[in-house]
Amino acid sequence: MPESEELTMETFLQMAAVQGVDTSDPEHTAELYASVKDIMATVKELRKLDLGEIEPANIFSPKDS
């Protein structure tokens, strides 16, 4: 999907069907749709970051169990 295109409910429902998501509950489906749109907006902002000169962190710190 091109970056400038808005995710429509129709497209969301098609993607959900392909992934096997149950969309029979309209309230829950609307909540999922809103969450996915929020995530996509965040990802769009993250893609704008210029990280070309940043080295990846090579540190692994597992949480204490």
PDB file of N, CA and C in Angstrom:
ATOM      1  N   MET A   1       0.847  -1.168   0.000  1.00  0.00           N
ATOM      2  CA  MET A   1       0.000   0.000   0.000  1.00  0.00           C
ATOM      3  C   MET A   1       0.896   1.236   0.000  1.00  0.00           C
ATOM      4  N   PRO A   2       0.672   2.155  -0.918  1.00  0.00           N
ATOM      5  CA  PRO A   2       1.474   3.376  -0.947  1.00  0.00           C
ATOM      6  C   PRO A   2       1.335   4.157   0.350  1.00  0.00           C
ATOM      7  N   GLU A   3       2.387   4.874   0.714  1.00  0.00           N
ATOM      8  CA  GLU A   3       2.407   5.593   1.972  1.00  0.00           C
ATOM      9  C   GLU A   3       1.305   6.631   2.082  1.00  0.00           C
ATOM     10  N   SER A   4       0.933   7.268   0.977  1.00  0.00           N
ATOM     11  CA  SER A   4      -0.033   8.356   1.027  1.00  0.00           C
ATOM     12  C   SER A   4      -1.474   7.862   1.121  1.00  0.00           C
ATOM     13  N   GLU A   5      -1.704   6.579   0.900  1.00  0.00           N
ATOM     14  CA  GLU A   5      -3.059   6.042   0.937  1.00  0.00           C
ATOM     15  C   GLU A   5      -3.525   5.803   2.358  1.00  0.00           C
ATOM     16  N   GLU A   6      -4.762   6.159   2.609  1.00  0.00           N
ATOM     17  CA  GLU A   6      -5.394   5.920   3.908  1.00  0.00           C
ATOM     18  C   GLU A   6      -5.923   4.491   3.934  1.00  0.00           C
ATOM     19  N   LEU A   7      -5.798   3.834   5.068  1.00  0.00           N
ATOM     20  CA  LEU A   7      -6.345   2.490   5.217  1.00  0.00           C
ATOM     21  C   LEU A   7      -7.854   2.606   5.380  1.00  0.00           C
ATOM     22  N   THR A   8      -8.589   2.043   4.435  1.00  0.00           N
ATOM     23  CA  THR A   8     -10.048   2.077   4.517  1.00  0.00           C
ATOM     24  C   THR A   8     -10.533   0.867   5.296  1.00  0.00           C
ATOM     25  N   MET A   9     -11.754   0.953   5.781  1.00  0.00           N
ATOM     26  CA  MET A   9     -12.349  -0.169   6.497  1.00  0.00           C
ATOM     27  C   MET A   9     -12.452  -1.371   5.564  1.00  0.00           C
ATOM     28  N   GLU A  10     -12.789  -1.126   4.311  1.00  0.00           N
ATOM     29  CA  GLU A  10     -12.901  -2.227   3.347  1.00  0.00           C
ATOM     30  C   GLU A  10     -11.569  -2.963   3.193  1.00  0.00           C
ATOM     31  N   THR A  11     -10.490  -2.210   3.047  1.00  0.00           N
ATOM     32  CA  THR A  11      -9.172  -2.821   2.922  1.00  0.00           C
ATOM     33  C   THR A  11      -8.796  -3.559   4.201  1.00  0.00           C
ATOM     34  N   PHE A  12      -9.092  -2.943   5.336  1.00  0.00           N
ATOM     35  CA  PHE A  12      -8.818  -3.580   6.618  1.00  0.00           C
ATOM     36  C   PHE A  12      -9.552  -4.916   6.726  1.00  0.00           C
ATOM     37  N   LEU A  13     -10.823  -4.941   6.361  1.00  0.00           N
ATOM     38  CA  LEU A  13     -11.608  -6.169   6.435  1.00  0.00           C
ATOM     39  C   LEU A  13     -11.044  -7.249   5.517  1.00  0.00           C
ATOM     40  N   GLN A  14     -10.578  -6.849   4.331  1.00  0.00           N
ATOM     41  CA  GLN A  14      -9.966  -7.811   3.415  1.00  0.00           C
ATOM     42  C   GLN A  14      -8.686  -8.383   4.006  1.00  0.00           C
ATOM     43  N   MET A  15      -7.863  -7.513   4.584  1.00  0.00           N
ATOM     44  CA  MET A  15      -6.613  -7.964   5.200  1.00  0.00           C
ATOM     45  C   MET A  15      -6.896  -8.860   6.399  1.00  0.00           C
ATOM     46  N   ALA A  16      -7.896  -8.511   7.197  1.00  0.00           N
ATOM     47  CA  ALA A  16      -8.263  -9.307   8.360  1.00  0.00           C
ATOM     48  C   ALA A  16      -8.735 -10.686   7.934  1.00  0.00           C
ATOM     49  N   ALA A  17      -9.517 -10.752   6.862  1.00  0.00           N
ATOM     50  CA  ALA A  17     -10.012 -12.037   6.366  1.00  0.00           C
ATOM     51  C   ALA A  17      -8.865 -12.927   5.923  1.00  0.00           C
ATOM     52  N   VAL A  18      -7.888 -12.364   5.247  1.00  0.00           N
ATOM     53  CA  VAL A  18      -6.726 -13.140   4.784  1.00  0.00           C
ATOM     54  C   VAL A  18      -5.953 -13.700   5.973  1.00  0.00           C
ATOM     55  N   GLN A  19      -5.903 -12.932   7.058  1.00  0.00           N
ATOM     56  CA  GLN A  19      -5.161 -13.364   8.246  1.00  0.00           C
ATOM     57  C   GLN A  19      -5.997 -14.232   9.185  1.00  0.00           C
ATOM     58  N   GLY A  20      -7.267 -14.436   8.858  1.00  0.00           N
ATOM     59  CA  GLY A  20      -8.119 -15.279   9.688  1.00  0.00           C
ATOM     60  C   GLY A  20      -8.679 -14.597  10.919  1.00  0.00           C
ATOM     61  N   VAL A  21      -8.722 -13.276  10.907  1.00  0.00           N
ATOM     62  CA  VAL A  21      -9.254 -12.532  12.042  1.00  0.00           C
ATOM     63  C   VAL A  21     -10.782 -12.575  11.985  1.00  0.00           C
ATOM     64  N   ASP A  22     -11.401 -12.871  13.122  1.00  0.00           N
ATOM     65  CA  ASP A  22     -12.857 -12.906  13.214  1.00  0.00           C
ATOM     66  C   ASP A  22     -13.390 -11.477  13.236  1.00  0.00           C
ATOM     67  N   THR A  23     -14.151 -11.107  12.234  1.00  0.00           N
ATOM     68  CA  THR A  23     -14.697  -9.757  12.145  1.00  0.00           C
ATOM     69  C   THR A  23     -16.217  -9.749  12.321  1.00  0.00           C
ATOM     70  N   SER A  24     -16.754 -10.769  12.983  1.00  0.00           N
ATOM     71  CA  SER A  24     -18.203 -10.871  13.139  1.00  0.00           C
ATOM     72  C   SER A  24     -18.767  -9.896  14.180  1.00  0.00           C
ATOM     73  N   ASP A  25     -17.923  -9.413  15.087  1.00  0.00           N
ATOM     74  CA  ASP A  25     -18.361  -8.453  16.106  1.00  0.00           C
ATOM     75  C   ASP A  25     -18.000  -7.045  15.623  1.00  0.00           C
ATOM     76  N   PRO A  26     -18.991  -6.244  15.185  1.00  0.00           N
ATOM     77  CA  PRO A  26     -18.691  -4.919  14.632  1.00  0.00           C
ATOM     78  C   PRO A  26     -17.974  -3.983  15.605  1.00  0.00           C
ATOM     79  N   GLU A  27     -18.320  -4.068  16.886  1.00  0.00           N
ATOM     80  CA  GLU A  27     -17.679  -3.186  17.880  1.00  0.00           C
ATOM     81  C   GLU A  27     -16.190  -3.525  18.027  1.00  0.00           C
ATOM     82  N   HIS A  28     -15.891  -4.809  18.124  1.00  0.00           N
ATOM     83  CA  HIS A  28     -14.500  -5.238  18.258  1.00  0.00           C
ATOM     84  C   HIS A  28     -13.722  -4.947  16.975  1.00  0.00           C
ATOM     85  N   THR A  29     -14.359  -5.160  15.836  1.00  0.00           N
ATOM     86  CA  THR A  29     -13.709  -4.883  14.555  1.00  0.00           C
ATOM     87  C   THR A  29     -13.374  -3.399  14.434  1.00  0.00           C
ATOM     88  N   ALA A  30     -14.284  -2.527  14.856  1.00  0.00           N
ATOM     89  CA  ALA A  30     -14.025  -1.085  14.818  1.00  0.00           C
ATOM     90  C   ALA A  30     -12.867  -0.714  15.737  1.00  0.00           C
ATOM     91  N   GLU A  31     -12.783  -1.378  16.889  1.00  0.00           N
ATOM     92  CA  GLU A  31     -11.680  -1.127  17.827  1.00  0.00           C
ATOM     93  C   GLU A  31     -10.345  -1.570  17.221  1.00  0.00           C
ATOM     94  N   LEU A  32     -10.343  -2.746  16.586  1.00  0.00           N
ATOM     95  CA  LEU A  32      -9.126  -3.230  15.927  1.00  0.00           C
ATOM     96  C   LEU A  32      -8.702  -2.302  14.797  1.00  0.00           C
ATOM     97  N   TYR A  33      -9.674  -1.866  14.013  1.00  0.00           N
ATOM     98  CA  TYR A  33      -9.412  -0.956  12.893  1.00  0.00           C
ATOM     99  C   TYR A  33      -8.757   0.335  13.395  1.00  0.00           C
ATOM    100  N   ALA A  34      -9.313   0.901  14.455  1.00  0.00           N
ATOM    101  CA  ALA A  34      -8.743   2.129  15.023  1.00  0.00           C
ATOM    102  C   ALA A  34      -7.319   1.894  15.522  1.00  0.00           C
ATOM    103  N   SER A  35      -7.088   0.751  16.152  1.00  0.00           N
ATOM    104  CA  SER A  35      -5.746   0.431  16.659  1.00  0.00           C
ATOM    105  C   SER A  35      -4.749   0.277  15.524  1.00  0.00           C
ATOM    106  N   VAL A  36      -5.148  -0.399  14.464  1.00  0.00           N
ATOM    107  CA  VAL A  36      -4.262  -0.596  13.320  1.00  0.00           C
ATOM    108  C   VAL A  36      -3.938   0.753  12.675  1.00  0.00           C
ATOM    109  N   LYS A  37      -4.924   1.614  12.549  1.00  0.00           N
ATOM    110  CA  LYS A  37      -4.674   2.947  11.977  1.00  0.00           C
ATOM    111  C   LYS A  37      -3.692   3.736  12.842  1.00  0.00           C
ATOM    112  N   ASP A  38      -3.835   3.637  14.168  1.00  0.00           N
ATOM    113  CA  ASP A  38      -2.903   4.323  15.076  1.00  0.00           C
ATOM    114  C   ASP A  38      -1.482   3.789  14.913  1.00  0.00           C
ATOM    115  N   ILE A  39      -1.370   2.476  14.815  1.00  0.00           N
ATOM    116  CA  ILE A  39      -0.052   1.856  14.636  1.00  0.00           C
ATOM    117  C   ILE A  39       0.564   2.305  13.314  1.00  0.00           C
ATOM    118  N   MET A  40      -0.248   2.324  12.270  1.00  0.00           N
ATOM    119  CA  MET A  40       0.268   2.747  10.958  1.00  0.00           C
ATOM    120  C   MET A  40       0.731   4.200  10.985  1.00  0.00           C
ATOM    121  N   ALA A  41       0.029   5.054  11.717  1.00  0.00           N
ATOM    122  CA  ALA A  41       0.440   6.454  11.839  1.00  0.00           C
ATOM    123  C   ALA A  41       1.775   6.560  12.569  1.00  0.00           C
ATOM    124  N   THR A  42       1.964   5.744  13.604  1.00  0.00           N
ATOM    125  CA  THR A  42       3.223   5.742  14.347  1.00  0.00           C
ATOM    126  C   THR A  42       4.367   5.253  13.458  1.00  0.00           C
ATOM    127  N   VAL A  43       4.134   4.187  12.715  1.00  0.00           N
ATOM    128  CA  VAL A  43       5.155   3.653  11.814  1.00  0.00           C
ATOM    129  C   VAL A  43       5.521   4.691  10.756  1.00  0.00           C
ATOM    130  N   LYS A  44       4.523   5.408  10.251  1.00  0.00           N
ATOM    131  CA  LYS A  44       4.785   6.457   9.254  1.00  0.00           C
ATOM    132  C   LYS A  44       5.742   7.513   9.820  1.00  0.00           C
ATOM    133  N   GLU A  45       5.521   7.900  11.073  1.00  0.00           N
ATOM    134  CA  GLU A  45       6.407   8.877  11.717  1.00  0.00           C
ATOM    135  C   GLU A  45       7.796   8.299  11.938  1.00  0.00           C
ATOM    136  N   LEU A  46       7.889   7.038  12.338  1.00  0.00           N
ATOM    137  CA  LEU A  46       9.187   6.402  12.555  1.00  0.00           C
ATOM    138  C   LEU A  46       9.995   6.321  11.269  1.00  0.00           C
ATOM    139  N   ARG A  47       9.313   6.109  10.145  1.00  0.00           N
ATOM    140  CA  ARG A  47      10.010   6.014   8.862  1.00  0.00           C
ATOM    141  C   ARG A  47      10.647   7.335   8.453  1.00  0.00           C
ATOM    142  N   LYS A  48      10.197   8.438   9.044  1.00  0.00           N
ATOM    143  CA  LYS A  48      10.750   9.754   8.729  1.00  0.00           C
ATOM    144  C   LYS A  48      12.088  10.003   9.426  1.00  0.00           C
ATOM    145  N   LEU A  49      12.405   9.207  10.443  1.00  0.00           N
ATOM    146  CA  LEU A  49      13.647   9.410  11.194  1.00  0.00           C
ATOM    147  C   LEU A  49      14.856   9.106  10.315  1.00  0.00           C
ATOM    148  N   ASP A  50      15.838   9.997  10.348  1.00  0.00           N
ATOM    149  CA  ASP A  50      17.074   9.794   9.610  1.00  0.00           C
ATOM    150  C   ASP A  50      18.054   9.061  10.515  1.00  0.00           C
ATOM    151  N   LEU A  51      18.170   7.756  10.315  1.00  0.00           N
ATOM    152  CA  LEU A  51      19.039   6.932  11.155  1.00  0.00           C
ATOM    153  C   LEU A  51      20.258   6.431  10.385  1.00  0.00           C
ATOM    154  N   GLY A  52      20.562   7.080   9.273  1.00  0.00           N
ATOM    155  CA  GLY A  52      21.654   6.646   8.422  1.00  0.00           C
ATOM    156  C   GLY A  52      23.011   6.626   9.102  1.00  0.00           C
ATOM    157  N   GLU A  53      23.229   7.507  10.032  1.00  0.00           N
ATOM    158  CA  GLU A  53      24.527   7.598  10.703  1.00  0.00           C
ATOM    159  C   GLU A  53      24.536   6.907  12.062  1.00  0.00           C
ATOM    160  N   ILE A  54      23.444   6.266  12.423  1.00  0.00           N
ATOM    161  CA  ILE A  54      23.325   5.626  13.732  1.00  0.00           C
ATOM    162  C   ILE A  54      23.688   4.150  13.631  1.00  0.00           C
ATOM    163  N   GLU A  55      24.595   3.724  14.490  1.00  0.00           N
ATOM    164  CA  GLU A  55      24.970   2.309  14.541  1.00  0.00           C
ATOM    165  C   GLU A  55      23.962   1.553  15.402  1.00  0.00           C
ATOM    166  N   PRO A  56      23.622   0.340  15.008  1.00  0.00           N
ATOM    167  CA  PRO A  56      22.689  -0.433  15.843  1.00  0.00           C
ATOM    168  C   PRO A  56      23.346  -0.838  17.156  1.00  0.00           C
ATOM    169  N   ALA A  57      22.530  -0.939  18.198  1.00  0.00           N
ATOM    170  CA  ALA A  57      23.029  -1.382  19.495  1.00  0.00           C
ATOM    171  C   ALA A  57      23.270  -2.884  19.435  1.00  0.00           C
ATOM    172  N   ASN A  58      24.428  -3.310  19.876  1.00  0.00           N
ATOM    173  CA  ASN A  58      24.777  -4.724  19.871  1.00  0.00           C
ATOM    174  C   ASN A  58      24.757  -5.303  21.276  1.00  0.00           C
ATOM    175  N   ILE A  59      23.887  -4.767  22.105  1.00  0.00           N
ATOM    176  CA  ILE A  59      23.803  -5.194  23.494  1.00  0.00           C
ATOM    177  C   ILE A  59      22.514  -5.967  23.694  1.00  0.00           C
ATOM    178  N   PHE A  60      22.624  -7.144  24.295  1.00  0.00           N
ATOM    179  CA  PHE A  60      21.454  -7.936  24.629  1.00  0.00           C
ATOM    180  C   PHE A  60      21.343  -7.990  26.132  1.00  0.00           C
ATOM    181  N   SER A  61      20.241  -7.474  26.677  1.00  0.00           N
ATOM    182  CA  SER A  61      20.016  -7.461  28.119  1.00  0.00           C
ATOM    183  C   SER A  61      18.674  -8.111  28.416  1.00  0.00           C
ATOM    184  N   PRO A  62      18.688  -9.421  28.670  1.00  0.00           N
ATOM    185  CA  PRO A  62      17.410 -10.082  28.986  1.00  0.00           C
ATOM    186  C   PRO A  62      16.880  -9.595  30.324  1.00  0.00           C
ATOM    187  N   LYS A  63      15.549  -9.572  30.437  1.00  0.00           N
ATOM    188  CA  LYS A  63      14.942  -9.165  31.697  1.00  0.00           C
ATOM    189  C   LYS A  63      15.235 -10.206  32.760  1.00  0.00           C
ATOM    190  N   ASP A  64      15.320  -9.718  34.003  1.00  0.00           N
ATOM    191  CA  ASP A  64      15.524 -10.645  35.128  1.00  0.00           C
ATOM    192  C   ASP A  64      14.279 -11.492  35.310  1.00  0.00           C
ATOM    193  N   SER A  65      14.464 -12.775  35.528  1.00  0.00           N
ATOM    194  CA  SER A  65      13.303 -13.669  35.718  1.00  0.00           C
ATOM    195  C   SER A  65      12.946 -13.804  37.158  1.00  0.00           C
TER     196      SER A  65
END
